[in-house]
Amino acid sequence: QVQLVESGGGLVQAGGSLRLSCAASGRPSSTSVMGWFRQAPGKEREFVAAISWGGSSIDYATSVKGRFTISRDNAKNTVYLQMNSLKPEDTAVYYCAARRGVVATPEYEYTYWGQGTQVTVSS
């Protein structure tokens, strides 16, 4: 069975940085693509970033491009999201997700999900 556990969330002031981690367990074929989504209160869950197993395919939401960086360390079965220049609108619960196959942006394409970690950016 696949399990994803996020960590690294917290409270930060606007303009600050935060690094999220997601540790994965289970069959490597089930986590060939890993991504990050976020959901703010009253809003739909939205795509943030995703990365393929070898890192050759990476995708970012327009809203975070240039500020966030996704990476992975397959030896540690971990994916990271480095968030810089944080804005209050980045406040949300951030979820780690995984799937087989290719990088995708729709939420429904992902099979496995973590429980989320809260990121709060103060004004």
Protein backbone atom coordinates (compact mmCIF):
# COMPACT_ATOMS: atom_id res chain seq x y z
CA GLN A 1 0.00 0.00 0.00
CA VAL A 2 1.10 3.54 -0.74
CA GLN A 3 1.32 6.11 2.02
CA LEU A 4 2.21 9.78 1.64
CA VAL A 5 3.11 11.94 4.63
CA GLU A 6 3.58 15.70 4.29
CA SER A 7 5.58 17.88 6.64
CA GLY A 8 7.06 21.36 6.80
CA GLY A 9 3.95 23.50 6.94
CA GLY A 10 3.62 26.40 9.32
CA LEU A 11 3.13 30.12 9.76
CA VAL A 12 5.29 32.56 7.83
CA GLN A 13 5.14 36.26 7.02
CA ALA A 14 4.58 37.51 3.50
CA GLY A 15 7.80 37.41 1.54
CA GLY A 16 9.15 34.52 3.56
CA SER A 17 10.01 30.97 2.57
CA LEU A 18 8.91 27.50 3.51
CA ARG A 19 9.98 24.03 2.40
CA LEU A 20 7.48 21.20 2.31
CA SER A 21 8.43 17.53 2.24
CA CYS A 22 6.44 14.45 1.32
CA ALA A 23 7.74 11.02 2.22
CA ALA A 24 6.32 8.15 0.19
CA SER A 25 6.15 4.45 0.82
CA GLY A 26 4.90 1.64 -1.38
CA ARG A 27 5.69 0.35 -4.85
CA PRO A 28 7.85 2.78 -6.86
CA SER A 29 5.65 2.23 -9.90
CA SER A 30 2.74 3.72 -7.99
CA THR A 31 4.60 6.97 -7.31
CA SER A 32 6.33 7.54 -10.63
CA VAL A 33 4.70 10.98 -10.71
CA MET A 34 4.38 13.06 -7.57
CA GLY A 35 2.73 16.41 -7.20
CA TRP A 36 1.45 19.10 -4.89
CA PHE A 37 -2.05 20.50 -4.66
CA ARG A 38 -3.51 23.07 -2.31
CA GLN A 39 -6.92 24.00 -1.03
CA ALA A 40 -7.93 27.23 0.66
CA PRO A 41 -11.15 27.51 2.69
CA GLY A 42 -14.15 27.87 0.41
CA LYS A 43 -12.13 27.14 -2.72
CA GLU A 44 -11.58 24.12 -4.93
CA ARG A 45 -8.42 22.11 -4.61
CA GLU A 46 -5.96 23.37 -7.19
CA PHE A 47 -2.85 22.06 -8.87
CA VAL A 48 0.46 23.52 -7.73
CA ALA A 49 3.28 21.45 -9.22
CA ALA A 50 4.21 17.94 -10.33
CA ILE A 51 7.34 16.04 -11.28
CA SER A 52 8.07 12.77 -13.07
CA TRP A 53 10.25 10.00 -11.68
CA GLY A 54 13.40 11.17 -13.45
CA GLY A 55 12.63 14.86 -13.17
CA SER A 56 12.50 15.33 -16.94
CA SER A 57 8.88 16.43 -16.84
CA ILE A 58 7.88 19.22 -14.46
CA ASP A 59 4.80 21.40 -14.43
CA TYR A 60 3.82 24.42 -12.33
CA ALA A 61 0.67 26.39 -11.88
CA THR A 62 1.00 29.88 -13.33
CA SER A 63 0.34 31.41 -9.93
CA VAL A 64 3.46 29.85 -8.41
CA LYS A 65 5.85 29.75 -11.36
CA GLY A 66 9.09 31.50 -10.52
CA ARG A 67 8.43 31.32 -6.78
CA PHE A 68 8.02 27.60 -6.07
CA THR A 69 10.37 24.77 -6.99
CA ILE A 70 9.48 21.09 -6.96
CA SER A 71 12.14 18.40 -6.69
CA ARG A 72 12.46 14.78 -5.66
CA ASP A 73 15.01 12.43 -4.19
CA ASN A 74 14.09 8.91 -5.24
CA ALA A 75 16.71 7.36 -2.98
CA LYS A 76 14.80 8.87 -0.07
CA ASN A 77 11.37 8.38 -1.66
CA THR A 78 10.69 12.03 -0.99
CA VAL A 79 9.37 14.98 -2.98
CA TYR A 80 9.92 18.59 -1.95
CA LEU A 81 8.28 21.92 -2.58
CA GLN A 82 10.45 24.95 -1.93
CA MET A 83 8.20 27.99 -1.60
CA ASN A 84 9.77 31.44 -1.79
CA SER A 85 8.31 34.94 -1.85
CA LEU A 86 5.19 33.67 -0.18
CA LYS A 87 2.00 35.70 -0.44
CA PRO A 88 -1.12 35.69 1.73
CA GLU A 89 -3.00 34.09 -1.17
CA ASP A 90 -0.71 31.07 -0.85
CA THR A 91 -2.42 30.26 2.44
CA ALA A 92 -3.96 26.80 2.13
CA VAL A 93 -3.69 23.18 3.10
CA TYR A 94 -1.05 21.65 0.87
CA TYR A 95 -1.48 18.05 -0.22
CA CYS A 96 1.01 15.64 -1.67
CA ALA A 97 -0.29 13.30 -4.37
CA ALA A 98 1.05 10.47 -6.51
CA ARG A 99 0.09 8.51 -9.59
CA ARG A 100 1.43 6.15 -12.21
CA GLY A 101 2.26 7.36 -15.68
CA VAL A 102 2.86 10.91 -16.81
CA VAL A 103 2.71 14.34 -15.21
CA ALA A 104 -0.87 15.57 -15.01
CA THR A 105 -2.67 18.57 -13.55
CA PRO A 106 -6.24 17.37 -12.84
CA GLU A 107 -6.90 16.31 -9.27
CA TYR A 108 -8.78 13.21 -10.39
CA GLU A 109 -5.72 11.84 -12.18
CA TYR A 110 -3.95 11.15 -8.90
CA THR A 111 -4.45 7.91 -7.05
CA TYR A 112 -2.78 8.47 -3.71
CA TRP A 113 -3.01 11.42 -1.34
CA GLY A 114 -1.44 12.60 1.87
CA GLN A 115 -3.43 14.15 4.69
CA GLY A 116 -2.14 17.66 4.06
CA THR A 117 -0.08 20.25 5.88
CA GLN A 118 -1.26 23.77 6.69
CA VAL A 119 0.60 26.74 5.26
CA THR A 120 -0.41 30.15 6.56
CA VAL A 121 1.09 33.36 5.19
CA SER A 122 0.36 36.45 7.26
CA SER A 123 -0.19 39.89 5.76
